[in-house]
Amino acid sequence: MPNKRRSYGYRSRRDRTEVSCCIKYLMFGFNVLFWIIGLLLLAIGLWAWAEKDVFHNVTRLTNIALDPALLFIVVGMSMFCMSFTGCVGALRENTCLLLFFMISLGAIFILELLIGILGFVYKDWVRDSIQSQVKNMIVNYRDDLDLKNLVDWVQQDWLNCCGVQSFKDWESNIYFNCSSPGVEACGVPFSCCKPGALIHKEENLINRHCGFEMMKTEHDFDRATKINTVGCIPSGEKWLEINLIPVAGVAVGVALLQILGICFAQNLRSDIHSQRAKWTL
């Protein structure tokens, strides 16, 4: 008789149809984290649009595909919706929400995989497309403040570059074109300048005029000492070659998180279905 009681107690503690609390709350916690991140990205994008008064004047969007605020809104909204369904689905043990979370995450994973494969196979086409988009960003540089800040950040803080292939690509911008009547004619943005020419050593001030007249051919001086003459496409390719392992590591890490999310959601759904099947007996 004592052996039977110990056996019964062991079975009650190790019931296979019970929902795993570890997976349930682990999935809930991670989804709460990504839900907050998505909410912050969405708030930043909406705040940027509000600052530009896009809600009252849609024509301010010169090129919606190049609007950084729209990227924040789309990514933030996607993360917010998916993480919300994952949170509620795990906490309330709702199999429908968990299924939606799995399908959404799986679709994004497959899309990322396809983009990676197609980008490797058609790398020349991808390079030409990126180059075309960067040229459009230069043309619309002064028409969108967010776009301007993005270009300045890439040129000054990230890649230390200027233009697409070289600094001469800024000739395609109406303000920096040599035929422009403005003071910036035949010049480049201050973000193209090297730190020595950009920052005044004695007064520690930013010289925003350091790129003036850098494209004038009649000037006999070494531009490489004042501005970055290499374009952002060659600089970006060089940066990718140097940082290939960290970039690949981040990509693999993101893929593993997505796969684990799908596996956890499926495991949790299976436990819930098993528990419900026990109740119907």
Foldseek 3Di string as FASTA:
>chain_A
DVVVVVVVVVCVVPPPLAFDPVLLVVQLVVLVVLLVVLVVLLVQLVVLCVVVVCVPPVVLCVDVVLFVSVVSNVSSVLSNQLSVLSNCCSVVVPLVSLVVNLVSLVVVLVVVVVCVVCCVVPVVVVLVVVLVVQLVLLQCLPSGPRSVVVVLCLCAPNLVADAAFWVVSNCNHQQQNLPHPDQNHLWGFLSQFDPVQQADPPVRDGDRCLGGNLRPPVDDDDCVNTGHTGHSSVSVVVVCVVCVVVVVVVVVVVSVVSVVSSVSSVSSNVSSVSNVVVVVD
